[in-house]
Amino acid sequence: MSLVCRWAPQGEEPEWLIREFAKAEKKPLRFYLQAGLFEVNRGELEGILHNNRRMKKTLLQKGYPVESSEVSSGHNYVSWCETLYHGTQSLVTKW
C-alpha cells in the first residue's frame, strides 16, 4: 500500500528499496500502491506520495503489473481501512 522509502538500511540513502527493485531480476509479483495526496515532504525528505510515484514508475519499467491510486487523504487510519479493502481485492483477483 503506502510505500515509506525514507527508511533505508544503515549506510544507505533513502529510496533504497526502489533502487533494489530497479537492479533486481524481475520476479512473479504484482503490486497495489496507494498514497494520500497530503503525504508530502517532511523536512528534507520526500514524502510517501513522491515515493509511491517513483516506485510505480520503476516497477512499470521492469514490467511488473501495478495498480495504484492516489486519494484525498493523509497517512491515517480512515484512509488505511478503505485502502486495505481495495488493495486486498486487487491482489487476490486476476488482472
C-alpha atoms as a PDB file:
ATOM      1  CA  MET A   1       0.000   0.000   0.000  1.00  0.00           C
ATOM      2  CA  SER A   2       1.692   3.237   1.084  1.00  0.00           C
ATOM      3  CA  LEU A   3       5.380   2.988   0.473  1.00  0.00           C
ATOM      4  CA  VAL A   4       7.622   4.651   3.028  1.00  0.00           C
ATOM      5  CA  CYS A   5      11.018   4.871   1.357  1.00  0.00           C
ATOM      6  CA  ARG A   6      12.554   7.298   3.792  1.00  0.00           C
ATOM      7  CA  TRP A   7      13.735   4.226   5.690  1.00  0.00           C
ATOM      8  CA  ALA A   8      16.922   2.574   4.467  1.00  0.00           C
ATOM      9  CA  PRO A   9      19.436   0.138   5.941  1.00  0.00           C
ATOM     10  CA  GLN A  10      22.245   1.772   7.864  1.00  0.00           C
ATOM     11  CA  GLY A  11      24.669   3.431   5.479  1.00  0.00           C
ATOM     12  CA  GLU A  12      22.179   3.581   2.581  1.00  0.00           C
ATOM     13  CA  GLU A  13      20.395   6.591   1.116  1.00  0.00           C
ATOM     14  CA  PRO A  14      16.578   6.966   1.201  1.00  0.00           C
ATOM     15  CA  GLU A  15      14.661   5.133  -1.562  1.00  0.00           C
ATOM     16  CA  TRP A  16      16.973   2.149  -1.166  1.00  0.00           C
ATOM     17  CA  LEU A  17      14.080  -0.257  -1.818  1.00  0.00           C
ATOM     18  CA  ILE A  18      13.258   1.425  -5.125  1.00  0.00           C
ATOM     19  CA  ARG A  19      16.875   1.075  -6.250  1.00  0.00           C
ATOM     20  CA  GLU A  20      16.879  -2.589  -5.217  1.00  0.00           C
ATOM     21  CA  PHE A  21      13.836  -3.308  -7.404  1.00  0.00           C
ATOM     22  CA  ALA A  22      15.391  -1.370 -10.287  1.00  0.00           C
ATOM     23  CA  LYS A  23      18.508  -3.541 -10.329  1.00  0.00           C
ATOM     24  CA  ALA A  24      16.995  -6.906  -9.311  1.00  0.00           C
ATOM     25  CA  GLU A  25      15.813  -9.647 -11.625  1.00  0.00           C
ATOM     26  CA  LYS A  26      12.060  -9.490 -12.219  1.00  0.00           C
ATOM     27  CA  LYS A  27      10.034 -11.886 -10.080  1.00  0.00           C
ATOM     28  CA  PRO A  28       6.438 -13.143 -10.459  1.00  0.00           C
ATOM     29  CA  LEU A  29       4.883 -10.384  -8.350  1.00  0.00           C
ATOM     30  CA  ARG A  30       2.181  -7.779  -8.750  1.00  0.00           C
ATOM     31  CA  PHE A  31       1.643  -4.612  -6.773  1.00  0.00           C
ATOM     32  CA  TYR A  32      -1.059  -2.347  -5.411  1.00  0.00           C
ATOM     33  CA  LEU A  33       0.199   1.061  -4.311  1.00  0.00           C
ATOM     34  CA  GLN A  34      -1.837   3.802  -2.675  1.00  0.00           C
ATOM     35  CA  ALA A  35      -0.881   7.143  -1.234  1.00  0.00           C
ATOM     36  CA  GLY A  36      -2.710  10.177   0.041  1.00  0.00           C
ATOM     37  CA  LEU A  37      -2.367  13.468  -1.769  1.00  0.00           C
ATOM     38  CA  PHE A  38      -1.404  15.047   1.567  1.00  0.00           C
ATOM     39  CA  GLU A  39       1.500  12.628   2.180  1.00  0.00           C
ATOM     40  CA  VAL A  40       4.099  15.115   1.050  1.00  0.00           C
ATOM     41  CA  ASN A  41       7.580  16.178   2.101  1.00  0.00           C
ATOM     42  CA  ARG A  42       8.599  16.207   5.737  1.00  0.00           C
ATOM     43  CA  GLY A  43      11.639  18.329   6.259  1.00  0.00           C
ATOM     44  CA  GLU A  44      14.361  17.468   3.785  1.00  0.00           C
ATOM     45  CA  LEU A  45      12.933  14.026   2.974  1.00  0.00           C
ATOM     46  CA  GLU A  46      10.450  13.434   0.181  1.00  0.00           C
ATOM     47  CA  GLY A  47       7.040  12.202   1.248  1.00  0.00           C
ATOM     48  CA  ILE A  48       5.173   8.953   0.693  1.00  0.00           C
ATOM     49  CA  LEU A  49       3.275  10.326  -2.318  1.00  0.00           C
ATOM     50  CA  HIS A  50       6.528  11.007  -4.159  1.00  0.00           C
ATOM     51  CA  ASN A  51       7.966   7.626  -3.087  1.00  0.00           C
ATOM     52  CA  ASN A  52       4.896   5.798  -4.401  1.00  0.00           C
ATOM     53  CA  ARG A  53       5.060   7.594  -7.746  1.00  0.00           C
ATOM     54  CA  ARG A  54       8.741   6.791  -8.144  1.00  0.00           C
ATOM     55  CA  MET A  55       8.246   3.138  -7.132  1.00  0.00           C
ATOM     56  CA  LYS A  56       5.330   2.775  -9.561  1.00  0.00           C
ATOM     57  CA  LYS A  57       7.456   4.155 -12.393  1.00  0.00           C
ATOM     58  CA  THR A  58      10.304   1.779 -11.523  1.00  0.00           C
ATOM     59  CA  LEU A  59       8.019  -1.261 -11.286  1.00  0.00           C
ATOM     60  CA  LEU A  60       6.316  -0.464 -14.600  1.00  0.00           C
ATOM     61  CA  GLN A  61       9.706  -0.046 -16.288  1.00  0.00           C
ATOM     62  CA  LYS A  62      10.622  -3.524 -15.031  1.00  0.00           C
ATOM     63  CA  GLY A  63       7.371  -4.915 -16.471  1.00  0.00           C
ATOM     64  CA  TYR A  64       5.544  -5.566 -13.204  1.00  0.00           C
ATOM     65  CA  PRO A  65       1.755  -5.304 -13.100  1.00  0.00           C
ATOM     66  CA  VAL A  66       0.908  -2.336 -10.881  1.00  0.00           C
ATOM     67  CA  GLU A  67      -2.438  -0.958  -9.781  1.00  0.00           C
ATOM     68  CA  SER A  68      -2.321   2.299  -7.886  1.00  0.00           C
ATOM     69  CA  SER A  69      -4.476   5.069  -6.536  1.00  0.00           C
ATOM     70  CA  GLU A  70      -3.997   8.491  -5.039  1.00  0.00           C
ATOM     71  CA  VAL A  71      -6.675   9.617  -2.615  1.00  0.00           C
ATOM     72  CA  SER A  72      -7.562  12.893  -0.908  1.00  0.00           C
ATOM     73  CA  SER A  73      -6.165  11.973   2.492  1.00  0.00           C
ATOM     74  CA  GLY A  74      -3.035  11.690   4.527  1.00  0.00           C
ATOM     75  CA  HIS A  75      -1.325   8.798   6.292  1.00  0.00           C
ATOM     76  CA  ASN A  76      -4.158   7.847   8.676  1.00  0.00           C
ATOM     77  CA  TYR A  77      -6.471   5.059   9.843  1.00  0.00           C
ATOM     78  CA  VAL A  78      -9.501   6.223   7.860  1.00  0.00           C
ATOM     79  CA  SER A  79      -7.543   6.012   4.627  1.00  0.00           C
ATOM     80  CA  TRP A  80      -5.970   2.672   5.546  1.00  0.00           C
ATOM     81  CA  CYS A  81      -9.322   0.956   6.189  1.00  0.00           C
ATOM     82  CA  GLU A  82     -10.540   1.601   2.659  1.00  0.00           C
ATOM     83  CA  THR A  83      -7.120   1.012   1.148  1.00  0.00           C
ATOM     84  CA  LEU A  84      -6.704  -2.382   2.794  1.00  0.00           C
ATOM     85  CA  TYR A  85     -10.022  -3.495   1.330  1.00  0.00           C
ATOM     86  CA  HIS A  86      -9.256  -2.283  -2.208  1.00  0.00           C
ATOM     87  CA  GLY A  87      -5.662  -3.482  -2.093  1.00  0.00           C
ATOM     88  CA  THR A  88      -6.642  -6.952  -0.914  1.00  0.00           C
ATOM     89  CA  GLN A  89      -9.374  -7.211  -3.552  1.00  0.00           C
ATOM     90  CA  SER A  90      -6.898  -6.154  -6.205  1.00  0.00           C
ATOM     91  CA  LEU A  91      -4.228  -8.638  -5.193  1.00  0.00           C
ATOM     92  CA  VAL A  92      -6.481 -11.690  -4.764  1.00  0.00           C
ATOM     93  CA  THR A  93      -8.318 -11.329  -8.080  1.00  0.00           C
ATOM     94  CA  LYS A  94      -6.881 -11.933 -11.523  1.00  0.00           C
ATOM     95  CA  TRP A  95      -5.815  -8.880 -13.505  1.00  0.00           C
END
